[in-house]
N, C-alpha and C. Protein backbone atom coordinates (compact mmCIF):
# COMPACT_ATOMS: atom_id res chain seq x y z
N MET A 1 295.98 -57.09 202.99
CA MET A 1 295.21 -58.29 202.75
C MET A 1 293.82 -57.92 202.25
N ASN A 2 293.40 -58.62 201.22
CA ASN A 2 292.05 -58.43 200.70
C ASN A 2 291.17 -59.58 201.15
N ARG A 3 289.96 -59.25 201.49
CA ARG A 3 288.99 -60.27 201.90
C ARG A 3 288.15 -60.62 200.69
N ILE A 4 287.94 -61.91 200.49
CA ILE A 4 287.16 -62.35 199.33
C ILE A 4 285.90 -63.08 199.79
N PRO A 5 284.81 -62.92 199.06
CA PRO A 5 283.57 -63.60 199.44
C PRO A 5 283.62 -65.08 199.10
N VAL A 6 282.97 -65.86 199.94
CA VAL A 6 282.84 -67.30 199.75
C VAL A 6 281.36 -67.63 199.82
N ILE A 7 280.89 -68.51 198.94
CA ILE A 7 279.49 -68.91 198.99
C ILE A 7 279.28 -69.84 200.17
N ASN A 8 278.32 -69.51 201.01
CA ASN A 8 277.92 -70.37 202.12
C ASN A 8 276.89 -71.35 201.55
N MET A 9 277.34 -72.59 201.33
CA MET A 9 276.49 -73.57 200.64
C MET A 9 275.26 -73.96 201.46
N THR A 10 275.43 -74.09 202.77
CA THR A 10 274.29 -74.47 203.62
C THR A 10 273.24 -73.37 203.63
N ALA A 11 273.68 -72.13 203.83
CA ALA A 11 272.74 -71.01 203.85
C ALA A 11 272.09 -70.81 202.48
N THR A 12 272.85 -71.04 201.41
CA THR A 12 272.28 -70.94 200.07
C THR A 12 271.23 -72.02 199.86
N GLY A 13 271.50 -73.22 200.33
CA GLY A 13 270.52 -74.30 200.23
C GLY A 13 269.24 -73.99 200.98
N ASN A 14 269.39 -73.45 202.18
CA ASN A 14 268.22 -73.04 202.97
C ASN A 14 267.45 -71.95 202.24
N ASN A 15 268.17 -71.05 201.59
CA ASN A 15 267.54 -69.96 200.86
C ASN A 15 266.77 -70.49 199.64
N ILE A 16 267.35 -71.45 198.94
CA ILE A 16 266.65 -72.06 197.80
C ILE A 16 265.35 -72.71 198.27
N THR A 17 265.42 -73.41 199.39
CA THR A 17 264.21 -74.03 199.94
C THR A 17 263.16 -72.97 200.27
N ARG A 18 263.58 -71.90 200.93
CA ARG A 18 262.66 -70.82 201.30
C ARG A 18 262.05 -70.17 200.06
N LEU A 19 262.87 -69.88 199.07
CA LEU A 19 262.36 -69.26 197.84
C LEU A 19 261.39 -70.18 197.11
N ARG A 20 261.69 -71.48 197.10
CA ARG A 20 260.80 -72.45 196.45
C ARG A 20 259.44 -72.47 197.13
N ILE A 21 259.46 -72.53 198.45
CA ILE A 21 258.21 -72.57 199.22
C ILE A 21 257.43 -71.27 199.02
N ASN A 22 258.13 -70.14 199.09
CA ASN A 22 257.46 -68.83 198.89
C ASN A 22 256.85 -68.71 197.50
N ALA A 23 257.46 -69.39 196.52
CA ALA A 23 256.92 -69.37 195.16
C ALA A 23 255.77 -70.36 194.99
N GLY A 24 255.48 -71.13 196.04
CA GLY A 24 254.40 -72.09 195.98
C GLY A 24 254.72 -73.31 195.14
N LEU A 25 256.01 -73.65 195.06
CA LEU A 25 256.45 -74.77 194.24
C LEU A 25 256.90 -75.94 195.09
N THR A 26 256.71 -77.13 194.57
CA THR A 26 257.23 -78.34 195.21
C THR A 26 258.55 -78.72 194.55
N VAL A 27 259.25 -79.65 195.16
CA VAL A 27 260.47 -80.17 194.54
C VAL A 27 260.12 -80.81 193.20
N LYS A 28 259.00 -81.49 193.15
CA LYS A 28 258.55 -82.12 191.90
C LYS A 28 258.31 -81.06 190.83
N ASP A 29 257.75 -79.91 191.21
CA ASP A 29 257.56 -78.82 190.25
C ASP A 29 258.89 -78.39 189.65
N LEU A 30 259.90 -78.19 190.51
CA LEU A 30 261.22 -77.80 190.00
C LEU A 30 261.82 -78.90 189.14
N GLN A 31 261.64 -80.13 189.55
CA GLN A 31 262.14 -81.26 188.77
C GLN A 31 261.56 -81.20 187.35
N ASP A 32 260.28 -80.95 187.26
CA ASP A 32 259.62 -80.86 185.94
C ASP A 32 260.11 -79.66 185.14
N ILE A 33 260.29 -78.51 185.81
CA ILE A 33 260.77 -77.30 185.13
C ILE A 33 262.14 -77.56 184.51
N PHE A 34 263.01 -78.21 185.25
CA PHE A 34 264.36 -78.47 184.76
C PHE A 34 264.44 -79.70 183.86
N GLY A 35 263.41 -80.52 183.86
CA GLY A 35 263.43 -81.72 183.05
C GLY A 35 264.33 -82.81 183.60
N PHE A 36 264.55 -82.77 184.93
CA PHE A 36 265.38 -83.78 185.58
C PHE A 36 264.59 -85.07 185.70
N SER A 37 265.26 -86.22 185.52
CA SER A 37 264.57 -87.50 185.65
C SER A 37 264.34 -87.86 187.12
N THR A 38 265.18 -87.32 188.02
CA THR A 38 265.01 -87.54 189.46
C THR A 38 265.17 -86.18 190.17
N PRO A 39 264.69 -86.08 191.40
CA PRO A 39 264.81 -84.82 192.13
C PRO A 39 266.12 -84.67 192.90
N GLN A 40 267.04 -85.61 192.74
CA GLN A 40 268.24 -85.63 193.59
C GLN A 40 269.06 -84.34 193.53
N ALA A 41 269.21 -83.75 192.36
CA ALA A 41 270.00 -82.51 192.25
C ALA A 41 269.36 -81.40 193.09
N ILE A 42 268.04 -81.31 193.04
CA ILE A 42 267.33 -80.26 193.79
C ILE A 42 267.50 -80.49 195.29
N TYR A 43 267.40 -81.74 195.73
CA TYR A 43 267.62 -82.04 197.15
C TYR A 43 269.05 -81.69 197.57
N LYS A 44 270.03 -81.95 196.70
CA LYS A 44 271.42 -81.59 197.02
C LYS A 44 271.57 -80.08 197.13
N TRP A 45 270.91 -79.33 196.24
CA TRP A 45 270.95 -77.86 196.34
C TRP A 45 270.39 -77.42 197.68
N GLN A 46 269.23 -77.98 198.05
CA GLN A 46 268.54 -77.56 199.27
C GLN A 46 269.31 -77.95 200.53
N ARG A 47 270.04 -79.06 200.48
CA ARG A 47 270.86 -79.47 201.63
C ARG A 47 272.18 -78.72 201.70
N GLY A 48 272.55 -78.07 200.60
CA GLY A 48 273.82 -77.35 200.56
C GLY A 48 275.01 -78.25 200.30
N THR A 49 274.76 -79.43 199.73
CA THR A 49 275.87 -80.33 199.40
C THR A 49 276.34 -80.13 197.96
N ALA A 50 275.58 -79.37 197.18
CA ALA A 50 275.95 -79.02 195.81
C ALA A 50 275.29 -77.69 195.48
N LEU A 51 275.89 -76.98 194.53
CA LEU A 51 275.32 -75.72 194.06
C LEU A 51 274.78 -75.90 192.65
N PRO A 52 273.71 -75.18 192.31
CA PRO A 52 273.23 -75.22 190.93
C PRO A 52 274.31 -74.65 190.00
N THR A 53 274.35 -75.15 188.77
CA THR A 53 275.26 -74.58 187.77
C THR A 53 274.77 -73.17 187.43
N VAL A 54 275.60 -72.42 186.75
CA VAL A 54 275.24 -71.04 186.41
C VAL A 54 273.95 -71.01 185.58
N ASP A 55 273.84 -71.90 184.60
CA ASP A 55 272.61 -71.89 183.78
C ASP A 55 271.39 -72.27 184.61
N ASN A 56 271.55 -73.17 185.58
CA ASN A 56 270.42 -73.51 186.46
C ASN A 56 270.09 -72.36 187.41
N LEU A 57 271.11 -71.60 187.83
CA LEU A 57 270.84 -70.42 188.66
C LEU A 57 270.02 -69.38 187.89
N VAL A 58 270.31 -69.24 186.60
CA VAL A 58 269.54 -68.30 185.77
C VAL A 58 268.07 -68.73 185.73
N VAL A 59 267.82 -70.01 185.57
CA VAL A 59 266.45 -70.52 185.54
C VAL A 59 265.79 -70.34 186.90
N LEU A 60 266.49 -70.69 187.97
CA LEU A 60 265.92 -70.53 189.32
C LEU A 60 265.54 -69.07 189.57
N ALA A 61 266.42 -68.15 189.19
CA ALA A 61 266.13 -66.72 189.40
C ALA A 61 264.86 -66.32 188.65
N ALA A 62 264.71 -66.80 187.42
CA ALA A 62 263.51 -66.48 186.63
C ALA A 62 262.27 -67.10 187.26
N VAL A 63 262.36 -68.34 187.69
CA VAL A 63 261.22 -69.04 188.29
C VAL A 63 260.81 -68.38 189.60
N PHE A 64 261.79 -67.99 190.41
CA PHE A 64 261.49 -67.38 191.71
C PHE A 64 261.22 -65.88 191.61
N GLY A 65 261.52 -65.29 190.46
CA GLY A 65 261.31 -63.86 190.28
C GLY A 65 262.28 -63.01 191.09
N VAL A 66 263.54 -63.48 191.18
CA VAL A 66 264.57 -62.77 191.93
C VAL A 66 265.83 -62.69 191.07
N LYS A 67 266.84 -61.96 191.58
CA LYS A 67 268.15 -61.92 190.93
C LYS A 67 268.99 -63.08 191.46
N ILE A 68 269.98 -63.49 190.68
CA ILE A 68 270.87 -64.56 191.13
C ILE A 68 271.50 -64.21 192.47
N ASP A 69 271.86 -62.95 192.66
CA ASP A 69 272.44 -62.52 193.94
C ASP A 69 271.49 -62.72 195.11
N ASP A 70 270.20 -62.82 194.84
CA ASP A 70 269.23 -63.05 195.91
C ASP A 70 269.13 -64.54 196.26
N ILE A 71 269.72 -65.39 195.45
CA ILE A 71 269.71 -66.83 195.72
C ILE A 71 270.95 -67.24 196.51
N LEU A 72 272.10 -66.75 196.08
CA LEU A 72 273.36 -67.11 196.70
C LEU A 72 273.59 -66.32 197.98
N ILE A 73 274.09 -67.00 199.01
CA ILE A 73 274.42 -66.36 200.28
C ILE A 73 275.94 -66.38 200.42
N PHE A 74 276.51 -65.19 200.57
CA PHE A 74 277.96 -65.06 200.67
C PHE A 74 278.38 -64.75 202.10
N GLN A 75 279.60 -65.12 202.40
CA GLN A 75 280.22 -64.73 203.66
C GLN A 75 281.66 -64.37 203.35
N ILE A 76 282.23 -63.52 204.16
CA ILE A 76 283.63 -63.13 204.00
C ILE A 76 284.42 -63.90 205.04
N GLU A 77 285.23 -64.84 204.59
CA GLU A 77 286.00 -65.58 205.59
C GLU A 77 287.41 -65.90 205.15
N GLN A 78 287.70 -65.78 203.89
CA GLN A 78 289.06 -66.05 203.44
C GLN A 78 289.78 -64.75 203.17
N GLN A 79 291.06 -64.76 203.38
CA GLN A 79 291.85 -63.59 203.10
C GLN A 79 292.88 -63.95 202.03
N LEU A 80 293.04 -63.05 201.10
CA LEU A 80 293.97 -63.25 200.01
C LEU A 80 295.16 -62.33 200.20
N ARG A 81 296.34 -62.88 200.23
CA ARG A 81 297.56 -62.07 200.35
C ARG A 81 298.07 -61.76 198.96
N ILE A 82 298.20 -60.48 198.69
CA ILE A 82 298.73 -60.05 197.40
C ILE A 82 300.14 -59.52 197.66
N PRO A 83 301.15 -60.18 197.05
CA PRO A 83 302.52 -59.73 197.29
C PRO A 83 302.74 -58.31 196.77
N ALA A 84 303.56 -57.57 197.46
CA ALA A 84 303.83 -56.18 197.07
C ALA A 84 304.77 -56.11 195.90
């Protein structure tokens, strides 16, 4: 059995919030950077009810000065059975 990583959405959301605060940015700042008309997507990311798209992860990584892997929080909890 192989173990595969799964993104922990809640922990990733908490991490996005922490990185935003450490960067000295507000939700409104991120909203303006992304050109979103409302901040709802950012709040969903921070709550862990949605994940940023890959292109938005690239922007977040650049804005926060980190790698994408530093934004996403993984856990190993699923097992994949590969038939012999």
